[in-house]
Amino acid sequence: QVHLAESGGGLVQPGGSLKLSCASSRHTFSSFAMGWFRQAPGKEREFVGVIDWSGDTTYYADSLKGRFTISRDNAESTVHLQMNSLKPEDTAIYYCAASGVMGSSLQKDYHTWGQGTQVTVSS
């Protein structure tokens, strides 16, 4: 069983940046695609982006392309989400998740989820 733990959330002003991290407890971390999702207040959880096992390929939600970047360090069993030019509408709980399906944006394809970290974008 893989355990995931997100960190790095917090309060940031509009236009600011934040980098989230997700640490895995298992040495087989490099076998999984790692996705990021978010859930804003009163809304359903949505896909943010995903990175393949090697880190060579990433996919993002169309609305987030150019502002968000996912990277991973398999040696450290960690995946990161760099968020730039943040907007109030980016306020949400951000989750990382592991999948055996490469490149999926579907929540059903993710078998392990972290507890989430709160990101609040406000002045």
N, C-alpha and C. Protein backbone atom coordinates (compact mmCIF):
# COMPACT_ATOMS: atom_id res chain seq x y z
N GLN A 1 0.84 -1.19 0.00
CA GLN A 1 0.00 0.00 0.00
C GLN A 1 0.88 1.25 0.00
N VAL A 2 0.60 2.13 -0.93
CA VAL A 2 1.32 3.38 -1.01
C VAL A 2 0.63 4.40 -0.13
N HIS A 3 1.39 5.14 0.61
CA HIS A 3 0.84 6.25 1.38
C HIS A 3 1.41 7.55 0.83
N LEU A 4 0.53 8.52 0.65
CA LEU A 4 0.92 9.79 0.09
C LEU A 4 0.63 10.91 1.06
N ALA A 5 1.52 11.88 1.12
CA ALA A 5 1.33 13.01 2.03
C ALA A 5 1.71 14.30 1.32
N GLU A 6 0.73 15.19 1.20
CA GLU A 6 0.97 16.48 0.57
C GLU A 6 1.46 17.49 1.60
N SER A 7 2.20 18.47 1.11
CA SER A 7 2.66 19.57 1.97
C SER A 7 2.88 20.79 1.10
N GLY A 8 3.03 21.94 1.75
CA GLY A 8 3.35 23.16 1.03
C GLY A 8 2.19 24.10 0.81
N GLY A 9 1.00 23.70 1.22
CA GLY A 9 -0.14 24.59 1.07
C GLY A 9 -0.05 25.78 2.00
N GLY A 10 -0.95 26.74 1.77
CA GLY A 10 -0.97 27.92 2.62
C GLY A 10 -1.71 29.06 1.97
N LEU A 11 -1.50 30.24 2.54
CA LEU A 11 -2.14 31.46 2.05
C LEU A 11 -1.16 32.21 1.17
N VAL A 12 -1.61 32.60 -0.01
CA VAL A 12 -0.76 33.35 -0.93
C VAL A 12 -1.60 34.44 -1.59
N GLN A 13 -0.95 35.54 -1.90
CA GLN A 13 -1.66 36.64 -2.55
C GLN A 13 -1.86 36.36 -4.03
N PRO A 14 -2.89 36.96 -4.61
CA PRO A 14 -3.07 36.81 -6.06
C PRO A 14 -1.82 37.25 -6.81
N GLY A 15 -1.48 36.46 -7.82
CA GLY A 15 -0.26 36.72 -8.58
C GLY A 15 0.96 36.03 -8.02
N GLY A 16 0.84 35.47 -6.85
CA GLY A 16 1.96 34.80 -6.21
C GLY A 16 2.15 33.38 -6.68
N SER A 17 3.15 32.72 -6.08
CA SER A 17 3.48 31.35 -6.43
C SER A 17 3.52 30.48 -5.20
N LEU A 18 3.33 29.21 -5.43
CA LEU A 18 3.38 28.24 -4.35
C LEU A 18 3.82 26.91 -4.95
N LYS A 19 4.60 26.16 -4.19
CA LYS A 19 5.03 24.84 -4.65
C LYS A 19 4.57 23.80 -3.65
N LEU A 20 3.76 22.88 -4.15
CA LEU A 20 3.28 21.78 -3.34
C LEU A 20 4.16 20.56 -3.55
N SER A 21 4.26 19.77 -2.52
CA SER A 21 5.01 18.53 -2.61
C SER A 21 4.14 17.37 -2.16
N CYS A 22 4.43 16.21 -2.69
CA CYS A 22 3.72 14.99 -2.30
C CYS A 22 4.76 13.90 -2.13
N ALA A 23 4.88 13.41 -0.92
CA ALA A 23 5.86 12.39 -0.61
C ALA A 23 5.20 11.03 -0.51
N SER A 24 5.87 10.04 -1.06
CA SER A 24 5.36 8.67 -1.03
C SER A 24 6.16 7.84 -0.05
N SER A 25 5.46 6.91 0.56
CA SER A 25 6.12 6.06 1.55
C SER A 25 6.72 4.81 0.96
N ARG A 26 6.50 4.59 -0.32
CA ARG A 26 6.87 3.30 -0.88
C ARG A 26 7.96 3.42 -1.92
N HIS A 27 8.86 2.44 -1.96
CA HIS A 27 9.98 2.50 -2.90
C HIS A 27 9.55 2.26 -4.33
N THR A 28 8.32 1.76 -4.53
CA THR A 28 7.84 1.53 -5.89
C THR A 28 7.17 2.77 -6.46
N PHE A 29 7.37 3.89 -5.81
CA PHE A 29 6.80 5.16 -6.27
C PHE A 29 7.05 5.39 -7.75
N SER A 30 8.23 5.04 -8.22
CA SER A 30 8.60 5.32 -9.61
C SER A 30 7.80 4.48 -10.61
N SER A 31 7.01 3.53 -10.14
CA SER A 31 6.20 2.70 -11.03
C SER A 31 4.89 3.36 -11.39
N PHE A 32 4.52 4.41 -10.68
CA PHE A 32 3.20 4.99 -10.84
C PHE A 32 3.24 6.35 -11.53
N ALA A 33 2.19 6.59 -12.30
CA ALA A 33 1.92 7.96 -12.72
C ALA A 33 1.37 8.70 -11.50
N MET A 34 1.70 9.96 -11.39
CA MET A 34 1.27 10.75 -10.25
C MET A 34 0.45 11.94 -10.73
N GLY A 35 -0.74 12.03 -10.20
CA GLY A 35 -1.63 13.11 -10.60
C GLY A 35 -1.90 14.08 -9.47
N TRP A 36 -2.32 15.26 -9.86
CA TRP A 36 -2.78 16.27 -8.92
C TRP A 36 -4.23 16.62 -9.27
N PHE A 37 -5.04 16.72 -8.25
CA PHE A 37 -6.43 17.12 -8.38
C PHE A 37 -6.68 18.22 -7.36
N ARG A 38 -7.80 18.90 -7.52
CA ARG A 38 -8.15 19.92 -6.54
C ARG A 38 -9.66 19.98 -6.38
N GLN A 39 -10.07 20.43 -5.20
CA GLN A 39 -11.49 20.58 -4.93
C GLN A 39 -11.72 21.92 -4.26
N ALA A 40 -12.41 22.78 -4.98
CA ALA A 40 -12.75 24.10 -4.46
C ALA A 40 -14.02 23.99 -3.63
N PRO A 41 -14.24 24.95 -2.74
CA PRO A 41 -15.44 24.91 -1.90
C PRO A 41 -16.71 24.85 -2.73
N GLY A 42 -17.55 23.89 -2.43
CA GLY A 42 -18.81 23.77 -3.11
C GLY A 42 -18.75 23.18 -4.51
N LYS A 43 -17.57 22.71 -4.90
CA LYS A 43 -17.40 22.16 -6.25
C LYS A 43 -16.88 20.74 -6.19
N GLU A 44 -17.01 20.05 -7.30
CA GLU A 44 -16.48 18.70 -7.38
C GLU A 44 -14.96 18.74 -7.56
N ARG A 45 -14.35 17.65 -7.16
CA ARG A 45 -12.91 17.55 -7.35
C ARG A 45 -12.59 17.47 -8.85
N GLU A 46 -11.54 18.18 -9.26
CA GLU A 46 -11.21 18.24 -10.68
C GLU A 46 -9.74 17.93 -10.91
N PHE A 47 -9.46 17.50 -12.11
CA PHE A 47 -8.11 17.16 -12.55
C PHE A 47 -7.28 18.42 -12.74
N VAL A 48 -6.05 18.36 -12.22
CA VAL A 48 -5.10 19.45 -12.42
C VAL A 48 -4.05 19.05 -13.45
N GLY A 49 -3.41 17.92 -13.22
CA GLY A 49 -2.39 17.45 -14.14
C GLY A 49 -1.82 16.13 -13.69
N VAL A 50 -1.00 15.53 -14.53
CA VAL A 50 -0.40 14.23 -14.23
C VAL A 50 0.97 14.15 -14.87
N ILE A 51 1.84 13.38 -14.22
CA ILE A 51 3.17 13.15 -14.73
C ILE A 51 3.40 11.65 -14.81
N ASP A 52 4.05 11.21 -15.88
CA ASP A 52 4.25 9.77 -16.02
C ASP A 52 5.36 9.29 -15.10
N TRP A 53 5.59 7.98 -15.09
CA TRP A 53 6.51 7.39 -14.12
C TRP A 53 7.92 7.94 -14.26
N SER A 54 8.32 8.25 -15.48
CA SER A 54 9.70 8.69 -15.71
C SER A 54 9.88 10.18 -15.49
N GLY A 55 8.78 10.92 -15.52
CA GLY A 55 8.89 12.37 -15.44
C GLY A 55 9.04 13.05 -16.79
N ASP A 56 9.03 12.26 -17.85
CA ASP A 56 9.25 12.83 -19.18
C ASP A 56 7.99 13.43 -19.80
N THR A 57 6.83 12.97 -19.35
CA THR A 57 5.58 13.39 -19.97
C THR A 57 4.62 13.92 -18.92
N THR A 58 4.04 15.06 -19.23
CA THR A 58 3.03 15.65 -18.35
C THR A 58 1.81 16.07 -19.15
N TYR A 59 0.67 16.04 -18.51
CA TYR A 59 -0.58 16.53 -19.09
C TYR A 59 -1.24 17.43 -18.06
N TYR A 60 -1.88 18.46 -18.55
CA TYR A 60 -2.52 19.43 -17.65
C TYR A 60 -3.95 19.71 -18.13
N ALA A 61 -4.76 20.11 -17.17
CA ALA A 61 -6.06 20.65 -17.54
C ALA A 61 -5.83 21.87 -18.42
N ASP A 62 -6.61 21.99 -19.45
CA ASP A 62 -6.41 23.07 -20.42
C ASP A 62 -6.38 24.45 -19.76
N SER A 63 -7.22 24.62 -18.76
CA SER A 63 -7.34 25.94 -18.13
C SER A 63 -6.11 26.30 -17.29
N LEU A 64 -5.26 25.32 -17.01
CA LEU A 64 -4.12 25.55 -16.13
C LEU A 64 -2.78 25.54 -16.87
N LYS A 65 -2.80 25.19 -18.13
CA LYS A 65 -1.55 25.13 -18.89
C LYS A 65 -0.84 26.48 -18.87
N GLY A 66 0.45 26.41 -18.64
CA GLY A 66 1.26 27.62 -18.62
C GLY A 66 1.45 28.22 -17.25
N ARG A 67 0.58 27.86 -16.31
CA ARG A 67 0.72 28.38 -14.95
C ARG A 67 1.19 27.32 -13.96
N PHE A 68 0.79 26.08 -14.21
CA PHE A 68 1.12 24.99 -13.29
C PHE A 68 2.11 24.03 -13.96
N THR A 69 3.05 23.54 -13.16
CA THR A 69 4.05 22.61 -13.66
C THR A 69 4.25 21.49 -12.66
N ILE A 70 4.20 20.26 -13.16
CA ILE A 70 4.42 19.08 -12.31
C ILE A 70 5.79 18.51 -12.61
N SER A 71 6.49 18.14 -11.56
CA SER A 71 7.78 17.48 -11.69
C SER A 71 7.86 16.37 -10.65
N ARG A 72 8.83 15.51 -10.81
CA ARG A 72 8.99 14.44 -9.83
C ARG A 72 10.46 14.10 -9.64
N ASP A 73 10.74 13.60 -8.46
CA ASP A 73 12.08 13.14 -8.10
C ASP A 73 11.92 11.71 -7.59
N ASN A 74 12.17 10.75 -8.45
CA ASN A 74 11.95 9.35 -8.07
C ASN A 74 12.94 8.90 -6.99
N ALA A 75 14.10 9.48 -6.96
CA ALA A 75 15.07 9.13 -5.93
C ALA A 75 14.57 9.51 -4.54
N GLU A 76 13.78 10.59 -4.50
CA GLU A 76 13.22 11.07 -3.24
C GLU A 76 11.75 10.66 -3.07
N SER A 77 11.23 9.93 -4.05
CA SER A 77 9.81 9.50 -4.02
C SER A 77 8.89 10.68 -3.77
N THR A 78 9.12 11.73 -4.52
CA THR A 78 8.37 12.96 -4.32
C THR A 78 7.92 13.53 -5.65
N VAL A 79 6.74 14.07 -5.67
CA VAL A 79 6.23 14.79 -6.83
C VAL A 79 5.86 16.20 -6.40
N HIS A 80 6.07 17.16 -7.29
CA HIS A 80 5.84 18.56 -6.97
C HIS A 80 4.83 19.18 -7.92
N LEU A 81 4.15 20.17 -7.41
CA LEU A 81 3.26 20.98 -8.24
C LEU A 81 3.64 22.44 -8.02
N GLN A 82 4.25 23.03 -9.04
CA GLN A 82 4.61 24.44 -8.99
C GLN A 82 3.46 25.24 -9.57
N MET A 83 2.95 26.18 -8.80
CA MET A 83 1.81 26.98 -9.22
C MET A 83 2.23 28.45 -9.26
N ASN A 84 2.10 29.06 -10.40
CA ASN A 84 2.48 30.46 -10.60
C ASN A 84 1.25 31.29 -10.99
N SER A 85 1.40 32.59 -10.84
CA SER A 85 0.33 33.53 -11.21
C SER A 85 -1.01 33.10 -10.62
N LEU A 86 -0.99 32.81 -9.36
CA LEU A 86 -2.18 32.26 -8.72
C LEU A 86 -3.32 33.26 -8.67
N LYS A 87 -4.53 32.72 -8.79
CA LYS A 87 -5.75 33.51 -8.81
C LYS A 87 -6.65 33.06 -7.67
N PRO A 88 -7.55 33.91 -7.24
CA PRO A 88 -8.47 33.50 -6.17
C PRO A 88 -9.23 32.22 -6.51
N GLU A 89 -9.51 32.01 -7.77
CA GLU A 89 -10.24 30.80 -8.16
C GLU A 89 -9.39 29.53 -8.08
N ASP A 90 -8.11 29.68 -7.79
CA ASP A 90 -7.26 28.51 -7.56
C ASP A 90 -7.38 28.02 -6.12
N THR A 91 -8.10 28.75 -5.30
CA THR A 91 -8.31 28.32 -3.92
C THR A 91 -9.02 26.98 -3.88
N ALA A 92 -8.41 26.03 -3.20
CA ALA A 92 -8.95 24.67 -3.18
C ALA A 92 -8.08 23.81 -2.26
N ILE A 93 -8.58 22.62 -2.00
CA ILE A 93 -7.75 21.58 -1.40
C ILE A 93 -7.11 20.82 -2.55
N TYR A 94 -5.81 20.68 -2.49
CA TYR A 94 -5.06 20.01 -3.56
C TYR A 94 -4.64 18.62 -3.08
N TYR A 95 -4.91 17.64 -3.95
CA TYR A 95 -4.62 16.26 -3.65
C TYR A 95 -3.63 15.68 -4.66
N CYS A 96 -2.73 14.85 -4.18
CA CYS A 96 -1.95 14.05 -5.11
C CYS A 96 -2.50 12.63 -5.06
N ALA A 97 -2.27 11.91 -6.14
CA ALA A 97 -2.80 10.56 -6.25
C ALA A 97 -1.91 9.73 -7.17
N ALA A 98 -1.91 8.43 -6.92
CA ALA A 98 -1.08 7.51 -7.69
C ALA A 98 -1.95 6.65 -8.59
N SER A 99 -1.45 6.37 -9.78
CA SER A 99 -2.21 5.59 -10.76
C SER A 99 -1.29 4.67 -11.52
N GLY A 100 -1.85 3.50 -11.88
CA GLY A 100 -1.14 2.59 -12.75
C GLY A 100 -1.42 2.87 -14.21
N VAL A 101 -2.29 3.83 -14.46
CA VAL A 101 -2.66 4.22 -15.81
C VAL A 101 -1.92 5.50 -16.15
N MET A 102 -1.13 5.48 -17.20
CA MET A 102 -0.34 6.65 -17.55
C MET A 102 -1.21 7.71 -18.23
N GLY A 103 -1.12 8.92 -17.73
CA GLY A 103 -1.75 10.04 -18.41
C GLY A 103 -3.24 10.22 -18.21
N SER A 104 -3.80 9.52 -17.23
CA SER A 104 -5.24 9.61 -17.04
C SER A 104 -5.65 10.85 -16.26
N SER A 105 -6.79 11.42 -16.64
CA SER A 105 -7.38 12.53 -15.92
C SER A 105 -8.61 12.07 -15.12
N LEU A 106 -8.87 10.77 -15.15
CA LEU A 106 -10.07 10.23 -14.51
C LEU A 106 -9.77 9.78 -13.08
N GLN A 107 -10.55 10.25 -12.15
CA GLN A 107 -10.30 9.92 -10.75
C GLN A 107 -10.40 8.42 -10.48
N LYS A 108 -11.23 7.73 -11.24
CA LYS A 108 -11.39 6.30 -11.03
C LYS A 108 -10.13 5.51 -11.33
N ASP A 109 -9.22 6.10 -12.07
CA ASP A 109 -7.97 5.41 -12.41
C ASP A 109 -6.89 5.57 -11.34
N TYR A 110 -7.19 6.32 -10.31
CA TYR A 110 -6.20 6.57 -9.25
C TYR A 110 -6.56 5.74 -8.03
N HIS A 111 -5.60 4.92 -7.57
CA HIS A 111 -5.92 3.96 -6.51
C HIS A 111 -5.51 4.44 -5.13
N THR A 112 -4.67 5.45 -5.05
CA THR A 112 -4.21 5.93 -3.75
C THR A 112 -4.22 7.45 -3.76
N TRP A 113 -4.73 8.00 -2.67
CA TRP A 113 -4.87 9.45 -2.56
C TRP A 113 -4.23 9.93 -1.26
N GLY A 114 -3.70 11.15 -1.32
CA GLY A 114 -3.25 11.80 -0.11
C GLY A 114 -4.42 12.48 0.59
N GLN A 115 -4.14 13.07 1.72
CA GLN A 115 -5.18 13.73 2.52
C GLN A 115 -5.50 15.13 2.02
N GLY A 116 -4.63 15.68 1.21
CA GLY A 116 -4.88 17.01 0.67
C GLY A 116 -4.19 18.10 1.47
N THR A 117 -3.94 19.20 0.79
CA THR A 117 -3.37 20.38 1.43
C THR A 117 -4.12 21.61 0.93
N GLN A 118 -4.44 22.50 1.85
CA GLN A 118 -5.26 23.67 1.52
C GLN A 118 -4.40 24.76 0.91
N VAL A 119 -4.88 25.29 -0.20
CA VAL A 119 -4.28 26.46 -0.84
C VAL A 119 -5.33 27.55 -0.88
N THR A 120 -5.00 28.70 -0.34
CA THR A 120 -5.91 29.83 -0.34
C THR A 120 -5.23 31.01 -1.01
N VAL A 121 -5.87 31.53 -2.03
CA VAL A 121 -5.34 32.68 -2.76
C VAL A 121 -6.22 33.88 -2.45
N SER A 122 -5.67 34.80 -1.70
CA SER A 122 -6.47 35.94 -1.24
C SER A 122 -5.55 37.08 -0.84
N SER A 123 -6.04 38.29 -1.03
CA SER A 123 -5.29 39.46 -0.59
C SER A 123 -5.71 39.87 0.81
